Amino acid sequence: MKTPLSSVFAALLLLTASCASVDSRVSDHKAAFDAWPADVQEKVRAGKVDIGFSPEMVEVALGKPDRLSSRTTAGGQADVWVYFDKGPNFSIGLGVGSYNSSSAVGAGVTVGDDFRDDEKMRVIFEGGRVTAIEMRKS
């Protein structure tokens, strides 16, 4: 029978395995990556994007977007890739209570990144190339 601790460990392992790193994405797109100019390779390895990048370059640098949307302006149609801030998030709770001369104390800790989905970045594509990058200011 599994203990709760082993279940938590298994869940964390699964979560970690599902998060692809830049190195694993570069490896998955090795032929394309090798054909890119050195300055593009350097930015992608650093997890950065720039004006003129293709969707593949952005995906290797940042991963798949968290949300896709489109924008229509007088200039035409644009695709918008939205990335959320997925920094670590944890909560600690403590409770004390009493009822009919009995008392109880409880505590809990929650660790995860599913509670916060603030937009961190928007990458805008027109004609298959990045034309704008919007970053959230702190």
N, C-alpha and C. Protein backbone atom coordinates (compact mmCIF):
# COMPACT_ATOMS: atom_id res chain seq x y z
N MET A 1 0.83 -1.18 0.00
CA MET A 1 0.00 0.00 0.00
C MET A 1 0.88 1.25 0.00
N LYS A 2 0.54 2.21 -0.83
CA LYS A 2 1.32 3.44 -0.93
C LYS A 2 1.04 4.33 0.27
N THR A 3 2.08 4.98 0.72
CA THR A 3 1.90 5.96 1.79
C THR A 3 1.60 7.31 1.14
N PRO A 4 1.01 8.23 1.89
CA PRO A 4 0.74 9.56 1.32
C PRO A 4 2.02 10.24 0.83
N LEU A 5 3.15 10.05 1.53
CA LEU A 5 4.40 10.67 1.12
C LEU A 5 4.85 10.15 -0.23
N SER A 6 4.72 8.85 -0.47
CA SER A 6 5.14 8.31 -1.77
C SER A 6 4.22 8.81 -2.88
N SER A 7 2.95 9.04 -2.59
CA SER A 7 2.03 9.59 -3.58
C SER A 7 2.41 11.01 -3.94
N VAL A 8 2.78 11.80 -2.93
CA VAL A 8 3.21 13.18 -3.17
C VAL A 8 4.48 13.17 -4.01
N PHE A 9 5.43 12.31 -3.67
CA PHE A 9 6.67 12.22 -4.42
C PHE A 9 6.40 11.84 -5.87
N ALA A 10 5.53 10.88 -6.10
CA ALA A 10 5.20 10.45 -7.46
C ALA A 10 4.56 11.60 -8.25
N ALA A 11 3.69 12.37 -7.61
CA ALA A 11 3.05 13.50 -8.28
C ALA A 11 4.08 14.58 -8.65
N LEU A 12 5.00 14.87 -7.73
CA LEU A 12 6.04 15.85 -8.02
C LEU A 12 6.95 15.38 -9.15
N LEU A 13 7.27 14.10 -9.17
CA LEU A 13 8.10 13.55 -10.23
C LEU A 13 7.40 13.67 -11.57
N LEU A 14 6.12 13.38 -11.63
CA LEU A 14 5.35 13.49 -12.86
C LEU A 14 5.28 14.94 -13.33
N LEU A 15 5.05 15.86 -12.40
CA LEU A 15 5.00 17.27 -12.74
C LEU A 15 6.33 17.75 -13.29
N THR A 16 7.43 17.35 -12.66
CA THR A 16 8.75 17.75 -13.11
C THR A 16 9.05 17.17 -14.48
N ALA A 17 8.68 15.93 -14.71
CA ALA A 17 8.95 15.30 -15.99
C ALA A 17 8.16 15.94 -17.12
N SER A 18 6.99 16.48 -16.81
CA SER A 18 6.15 17.07 -17.85
C SER A 18 6.61 18.47 -18.25
N CYS A 19 7.44 19.11 -17.44
CA CYS A 19 7.94 20.44 -17.75
C CYS A 19 9.21 20.32 -18.57
N ALA A 20 9.13 20.64 -19.84
CA ALA A 20 10.28 20.52 -20.71
C ALA A 20 11.23 21.69 -20.49
N SER A 21 12.51 21.41 -20.52
CA SER A 21 13.51 22.46 -20.38
C SER A 21 13.92 22.95 -21.76
N VAL A 22 14.61 24.09 -21.79
CA VAL A 22 15.11 24.61 -23.06
C VAL A 22 16.01 23.56 -23.72
N ASP A 23 16.88 22.92 -22.94
CA ASP A 23 17.79 21.92 -23.52
C ASP A 23 17.03 20.77 -24.17
N SER A 24 15.96 20.31 -23.54
CA SER A 24 15.20 19.21 -24.14
C SER A 24 14.47 19.68 -25.40
N ARG A 25 14.00 20.92 -25.40
CA ARG A 25 13.33 21.44 -26.61
C ARG A 25 14.34 21.64 -27.73
N VAL A 26 15.55 22.10 -27.40
CA VAL A 26 16.60 22.23 -28.42
C VAL A 26 16.91 20.86 -29.00
N SER A 27 17.02 19.87 -28.15
CA SER A 27 17.29 18.50 -28.61
C SER A 27 16.18 18.00 -29.53
N ASP A 28 14.94 18.31 -29.20
CA ASP A 28 13.80 17.89 -30.02
C ASP A 28 13.77 18.58 -31.38
N HIS A 29 14.38 19.75 -31.48
CA HIS A 29 14.39 20.54 -32.73
C HIS A 29 15.83 20.75 -33.21
N LYS A 30 16.67 19.75 -33.02
CA LYS A 30 18.12 19.87 -33.26
C LYS A 30 18.46 20.35 -34.67
N ALA A 31 17.86 19.76 -35.71
CA ALA A 31 18.20 20.13 -37.08
C ALA A 31 17.88 21.60 -37.35
N ALA A 32 16.70 22.05 -36.94
CA ALA A 32 16.33 23.45 -37.14
C ALA A 32 17.23 24.36 -36.31
N PHE A 33 17.46 24.00 -35.05
CA PHE A 33 18.30 24.81 -34.16
C PHE A 33 19.69 25.01 -34.75
N ASP A 34 20.28 23.93 -35.28
CA ASP A 34 21.63 24.02 -35.85
C ASP A 34 21.68 24.93 -37.07
N ALA A 35 20.57 25.11 -37.75
CA ALA A 35 20.53 25.96 -38.95
C ALA A 35 20.33 27.43 -38.62
N TRP A 36 19.94 27.75 -37.39
CA TRP A 36 19.70 29.14 -37.02
C TRP A 36 21.01 29.87 -36.81
N PRO A 37 21.04 31.20 -37.04
CA PRO A 37 22.26 31.98 -36.79
C PRO A 37 22.69 31.88 -35.32
N ALA A 38 23.97 32.09 -35.08
CA ALA A 38 24.53 31.95 -33.72
C ALA A 38 23.84 32.87 -32.71
N ASP A 39 23.51 34.10 -33.11
CA ASP A 39 22.86 35.01 -32.16
C ASP A 39 21.46 34.53 -31.78
N VAL A 40 20.75 33.90 -32.71
CA VAL A 40 19.44 33.34 -32.42
C VAL A 40 19.59 32.14 -31.49
N GLN A 41 20.57 31.28 -31.77
CA GLN A 41 20.82 30.12 -30.90
C GLN A 41 21.11 30.56 -29.48
N GLU A 42 21.91 31.60 -29.33
CA GLU A 42 22.27 32.10 -28.00
C GLU A 42 21.03 32.60 -27.24
N LYS A 43 20.18 33.36 -27.92
CA LYS A 43 18.96 33.87 -27.28
C LYS A 43 18.02 32.73 -26.91
N VAL A 44 17.86 31.77 -27.83
CA VAL A 44 16.96 30.64 -27.57
C VAL A 44 17.46 29.84 -26.37
N ARG A 45 18.75 29.55 -26.31
CA ARG A 45 19.31 28.81 -25.17
C ARG A 45 19.10 29.55 -23.85
N ALA A 46 19.05 30.89 -23.92
CA ALA A 46 18.84 31.70 -22.72
C ALA A 46 17.35 31.84 -22.40
N GLY A 47 16.48 31.25 -23.23
CA GLY A 47 15.04 31.34 -22.99
C GLY A 47 14.47 32.70 -23.34
N LYS A 48 15.09 33.37 -24.31
CA LYS A 48 14.64 34.70 -24.72
C LYS A 48 14.18 34.66 -26.17
N VAL A 49 13.29 35.59 -26.52
CA VAL A 49 12.82 35.71 -27.89
C VAL A 49 13.06 37.12 -28.39
N ASP A 50 12.98 37.31 -29.71
CA ASP A 50 13.24 38.62 -30.28
C ASP A 50 12.36 38.84 -31.51
N ILE A 51 12.28 40.07 -31.94
CA ILE A 51 11.54 40.44 -33.14
C ILE A 51 12.14 39.65 -34.32
N GLY A 52 11.27 39.12 -35.16
CA GLY A 52 11.70 38.37 -36.33
C GLY A 52 11.78 36.87 -36.12
N PHE A 53 11.64 36.41 -34.88
CA PHE A 53 11.68 34.97 -34.61
C PHE A 53 10.47 34.29 -35.25
N SER A 54 10.69 33.05 -35.67
CA SER A 54 9.61 32.22 -36.19
C SER A 54 8.87 31.56 -35.01
N PRO A 55 7.68 31.02 -35.26
CA PRO A 55 6.99 30.30 -34.18
C PRO A 55 7.83 29.15 -33.60
N GLU A 56 8.58 28.45 -34.44
CA GLU A 56 9.40 27.35 -33.94
C GLU A 56 10.49 27.86 -33.00
N MET A 57 11.11 28.98 -33.35
CA MET A 57 12.15 29.56 -32.49
C MET A 57 11.56 29.93 -31.12
N VAL A 58 10.37 30.53 -31.12
CA VAL A 58 9.72 30.93 -29.87
C VAL A 58 9.37 29.69 -29.06
N GLU A 59 8.84 28.66 -29.72
CA GLU A 59 8.46 27.45 -29.00
C GLU A 59 9.67 26.77 -28.37
N VAL A 60 10.80 26.76 -29.07
CA VAL A 60 12.01 26.15 -28.49
C VAL A 60 12.49 26.98 -27.31
N ALA A 61 12.44 28.30 -27.43
CA ALA A 61 12.93 29.18 -26.35
C ALA A 61 12.02 29.16 -25.13
N LEU A 62 10.69 29.21 -25.34
CA LEU A 62 9.75 29.40 -24.24
C LEU A 62 8.83 28.22 -23.98
N GLY A 63 8.75 27.29 -24.90
CA GLY A 63 7.79 26.20 -24.78
C GLY A 63 6.49 26.57 -25.45
N LYS A 64 5.55 25.67 -25.38
CA LYS A 64 4.23 25.93 -25.96
C LYS A 64 3.54 27.01 -25.15
N PRO A 65 2.78 27.88 -25.83
CA PRO A 65 2.09 28.95 -25.08
C PRO A 65 1.00 28.38 -24.17
N ASP A 66 0.72 29.12 -23.11
CA ASP A 66 -0.34 28.74 -22.19
C ASP A 66 -1.72 29.07 -22.74
N ARG A 67 -1.78 30.07 -23.61
CA ARG A 67 -3.04 30.45 -24.22
C ARG A 67 -2.75 31.05 -25.59
N LEU A 68 -3.63 30.78 -26.53
CA LEU A 68 -3.53 31.35 -27.88
C LEU A 68 -4.71 32.29 -28.09
N SER A 69 -4.45 33.41 -28.74
CA SER A 69 -5.55 34.30 -29.11
C SER A 69 -5.17 34.98 -30.42
N SER A 70 -6.10 35.73 -30.97
CA SER A 70 -5.82 36.45 -32.20
C SER A 70 -6.18 37.91 -32.00
N ARG A 71 -5.58 38.75 -32.80
CA ARG A 71 -5.80 40.18 -32.72
C ARG A 71 -6.06 40.69 -34.13
N THR A 72 -7.09 41.49 -34.29
CA THR A 72 -7.37 42.10 -35.57
C THR A 72 -7.25 43.60 -35.42
N THR A 73 -6.43 44.20 -36.27
CA THR A 73 -6.24 45.65 -36.25
C THR A 73 -6.39 46.18 -37.68
N ALA A 74 -6.26 47.46 -37.83
CA ALA A 74 -6.30 48.05 -39.17
C ALA A 74 -5.18 47.49 -40.04
N GLY A 75 -4.09 47.07 -39.39
CA GLY A 75 -2.95 46.51 -40.12
C GLY A 75 -3.15 45.06 -40.53
N GLY A 76 -4.15 44.39 -39.97
CA GLY A 76 -4.41 43.01 -40.34
C GLY A 76 -4.56 42.10 -39.13
N GLN A 77 -4.37 40.83 -39.38
CA GLN A 77 -4.56 39.78 -38.38
C GLN A 77 -3.22 39.42 -37.73
N ALA A 78 -3.25 39.16 -36.43
CA ALA A 78 -2.05 38.73 -35.70
C ALA A 78 -2.42 37.58 -34.77
N ASP A 79 -1.49 36.66 -34.59
CA ASP A 79 -1.64 35.59 -33.61
C ASP A 79 -0.90 36.02 -32.35
N VAL A 80 -1.50 35.74 -31.19
CA VAL A 80 -0.91 36.13 -29.92
C VAL A 80 -0.71 34.89 -29.07
N TRP A 81 0.54 34.66 -28.67
CA TRP A 81 0.88 33.57 -27.76
C TRP A 81 1.05 34.18 -26.38
N VAL A 82 0.33 33.64 -25.40
CA VAL A 82 0.36 34.18 -24.04
C VAL A 82 1.05 33.17 -23.13
N TYR A 83 1.98 33.68 -22.32
CA TYR A 83 2.70 32.86 -21.35
C TYR A 83 2.39 33.39 -19.96
N PHE A 84 2.13 32.46 -19.03
CA PHE A 84 1.80 32.82 -17.66
C PHE A 84 3.03 32.70 -16.78
N ASP A 85 3.02 33.46 -15.70
CA ASP A 85 4.06 33.35 -14.67
C ASP A 85 3.78 32.09 -13.88
N LYS A 86 4.70 31.16 -13.94
CA LYS A 86 4.49 29.88 -13.25
C LYS A 86 5.51 29.68 -12.14
N GLY A 87 5.87 30.75 -11.49
CA GLY A 87 6.81 30.64 -10.39
C GLY A 87 6.25 29.80 -9.27
N PRO A 88 7.11 29.34 -8.39
CA PRO A 88 6.64 28.51 -7.29
C PRO A 88 5.64 29.28 -6.43
N ASN A 89 4.70 28.54 -5.93
CA ASN A 89 3.64 29.14 -5.12
C ASN A 89 3.34 28.19 -3.97
N PHE A 90 3.36 28.69 -2.77
CA PHE A 90 3.00 27.83 -1.65
C PHE A 90 2.23 28.62 -0.61
N SER A 91 1.45 27.89 0.18
CA SER A 91 0.63 28.50 1.23
C SER A 91 0.81 27.71 2.51
N ILE A 92 0.73 28.42 3.63
CA ILE A 92 0.79 27.77 4.93
C ILE A 92 -0.44 28.22 5.70
N GLY A 93 -1.14 27.28 6.27
CA GLY A 93 -2.34 27.61 7.04
C GLY A 93 -2.26 27.03 8.44
N LEU A 94 -2.80 27.74 9.40
CA LEU A 94 -2.83 27.28 10.79
C LEU A 94 -4.20 27.62 11.36
N GLY A 95 -4.80 26.65 12.01
CA GLY A 95 -6.11 26.88 12.59
C GLY A 95 -6.19 26.38 14.02
N VAL A 96 -6.90 27.11 14.85
CA VAL A 96 -7.11 26.72 16.24
C VAL A 96 -8.60 26.89 16.52
N GLY A 97 -9.17 25.93 17.20
CA GLY A 97 -10.58 26.04 17.50
C GLY A 97 -10.93 25.31 18.78
N SER A 98 -12.08 25.65 19.34
CA SER A 98 -12.54 24.94 20.52
C SER A 98 -14.05 24.83 20.48
N TYR A 99 -14.56 23.78 21.14
CA TYR A 99 -16.00 23.55 21.20
C TYR A 99 -16.28 22.67 22.41
N ASN A 100 -17.15 23.10 23.28
CA ASN A 100 -17.53 22.33 24.47
C ASN A 100 -16.32 21.81 25.25
N SER A 101 -15.46 22.68 25.60
CA SER A 101 -14.26 22.39 26.39
C SER A 101 -13.26 21.46 25.69
N SER A 102 -13.41 21.28 24.40
CA SER A 102 -12.42 20.55 23.61
C SER A 102 -11.75 21.55 22.68
N SER A 103 -10.50 21.32 22.40
CA SER A 103 -9.80 22.21 21.48
C SER A 103 -9.04 21.39 20.46
N ALA A 104 -8.73 22.03 19.35
CA ALA A 104 -8.01 21.36 18.27
C ALA A 104 -7.12 22.36 17.56
N VAL A 105 -6.04 21.86 17.03
CA VAL A 105 -5.10 22.67 16.26
C VAL A 105 -4.88 21.95 14.94
N GLY A 106 -4.84 22.69 13.87
CA GLY A 106 -4.58 22.09 12.56
C GLY A 106 -3.64 22.97 11.76
N ALA A 107 -2.89 22.36 10.90
CA ALA A 107 -1.96 23.10 10.04
C ALA A 107 -1.90 22.41 8.69
N GLY A 108 -1.54 23.18 7.68
CA GLY A 108 -1.41 22.61 6.35
C GLY A 108 -0.45 23.41 5.50
N VAL A 109 0.16 22.75 4.57
CA VAL A 109 1.07 23.40 3.62
C VAL A 109 0.66 22.93 2.23
N THR A 110 0.54 23.87 1.31
CA THR A 110 0.22 23.55 -0.07
C THR A 110 1.33 24.06 -0.96
N VAL A 111 1.80 23.22 -1.87
CA VAL A 111 2.83 23.62 -2.81
C VAL A 111 2.31 23.34 -4.21
N GLY A 112 2.46 24.30 -5.10
CA GLY A 112 2.01 24.09 -6.47
C GLY A 112 2.12 25.36 -7.28
N ASP A 113 1.79 25.27 -8.56
CA ASP A 113 1.83 26.45 -9.40
C ASP A 113 0.53 26.63 -10.18
N ASP A 114 -0.52 25.93 -9.78
CA ASP A 114 -1.78 26.01 -10.50
C ASP A 114 -2.69 27.12 -10.00
N PHE A 115 -2.34 27.79 -8.93
CA PHE A 115 -3.23 28.79 -8.36
C PHE A 115 -3.00 30.18 -8.94
N ARG A 116 -1.87 30.39 -9.58
CA ARG A 116 -1.55 31.71 -10.10
C ARG A 116 -1.31 31.59 -11.59
N ASP A 117 -2.07 32.28 -12.37
CA ASP A 117 -1.85 32.25 -13.80
C ASP A 117 -1.80 33.67 -14.35
N ASP A 118 -0.99 34.49 -13.72
CA ASP A 118 -0.80 35.85 -14.18
C ASP A 118 -0.07 35.83 -15.52
N GLU A 119 -0.49 36.71 -16.41
CA GLU A 119 0.22 36.81 -17.68
C GLU A 119 1.60 37.38 -17.44
N LYS A 120 2.58 36.72 -18.02
CA LYS A 120 3.96 37.17 -17.93
C LYS A 120 4.39 37.84 -19.23
N MET A 121 3.96 37.24 -20.35
CA MET A 121 4.44 37.71 -21.64
C MET A 121 3.42 37.39 -22.73
N ARG A 122 3.37 38.27 -23.71
CA ARG A 122 2.61 38.03 -24.94
C ARG A 122 3.58 38.17 -26.10
N VAL A 123 3.54 37.21 -27.00
CA VAL A 123 4.36 37.24 -28.21
C VAL A 123 3.40 37.34 -29.38
N ILE A 124 3.56 38.41 -30.19
CA ILE A 124 2.63 38.67 -31.28
C ILE A 124 3.30 38.35 -32.61
N PHE A 125 2.59 37.52 -33.40
CA PHE A 125 3.08 37.11 -34.72
C PHE A 125 2.23 37.73 -35.81
N GLU A 126 2.87 38.27 -36.82
CA GLU A 126 2.20 38.71 -38.04
C GLU A 126 3.00 38.16 -39.20
N GLY A 127 2.31 37.50 -40.12
CA GLY A 127 3.01 36.92 -41.27
C GLY A 127 4.01 35.85 -40.89
N GLY A 128 3.77 35.16 -39.79
CA GLY A 128 4.65 34.07 -39.38
C GLY A 128 5.94 34.48 -38.67
N ARG A 129 6.04 35.75 -38.28
CA ARG A 129 7.23 36.24 -37.56
C ARG A 129 6.80 37.10 -36.38
N VAL A 130 7.63 37.10 -35.33
CA VAL A 130 7.35 37.94 -34.16
C VAL A 130 7.48 39.40 -34.56
N THR A 131 6.42 40.17 -34.31
CA THR A 131 6.45 41.60 -34.60
C THR A 131 6.40 42.44 -33.33
N ALA A 132 6.02 41.80 -32.21
CA ALA A 132 5.97 42.54 -30.94
C ALA A 132 6.06 41.55 -29.79
N ILE A 133 6.64 42.02 -28.69
CA ILE A 133 6.74 41.24 -27.46
C ILE A 133 6.27 42.16 -26.33
N GLU A 134 5.26 41.71 -25.62
CA GLU A 134 4.74 42.49 -24.49
C GLU A 134 5.10 41.78 -23.20
N MET A 135 5.73 42.49 -22.28
CA MET A 135 6.13 41.93 -20.99
C MET A 135 5.39 42.67 -19.88
N ARG A 136 4.97 41.93 -18.88
CA ARG A 136 4.31 42.56 -17.74
C ARG A 136 5.37 43.29 -16.91
N LYS A 137 5.04 44.51 -16.52
CA LYS A 137 5.93 45.26 -15.62
C LYS A 137 5.59 44.88 -14.19
N SER A 138 6.58 44.83 -13.37
CA SER A 138 6.37 44.46 -11.96
C SER A 138 5.61 45.50 -11.22
